[in-house]
Amino acid sequence: MTDKKNTSSRKEELRSFTFLTVVMAPVLVGALIAAYGFAVWIFQMFAGPPHG
């Protein structure tokens, strides 16, 4: 009984790890990049475009 519980727990842990690394990590990185771009855009609306 312990082996069966251990196996299902390990499968669930592997599934969770795969979901976090394949789905959530790229989504969070994309959201952070989008938030940074949005913040720069808002800042440039108030401060003006960069001068070169």
Foldseek 3Di string as FASTA:
>chain_A
DVVVVVVVVVVVVVVVVCCCVVPVVVVVVVVVVVVVVVVVVVVCVVVPDDDD
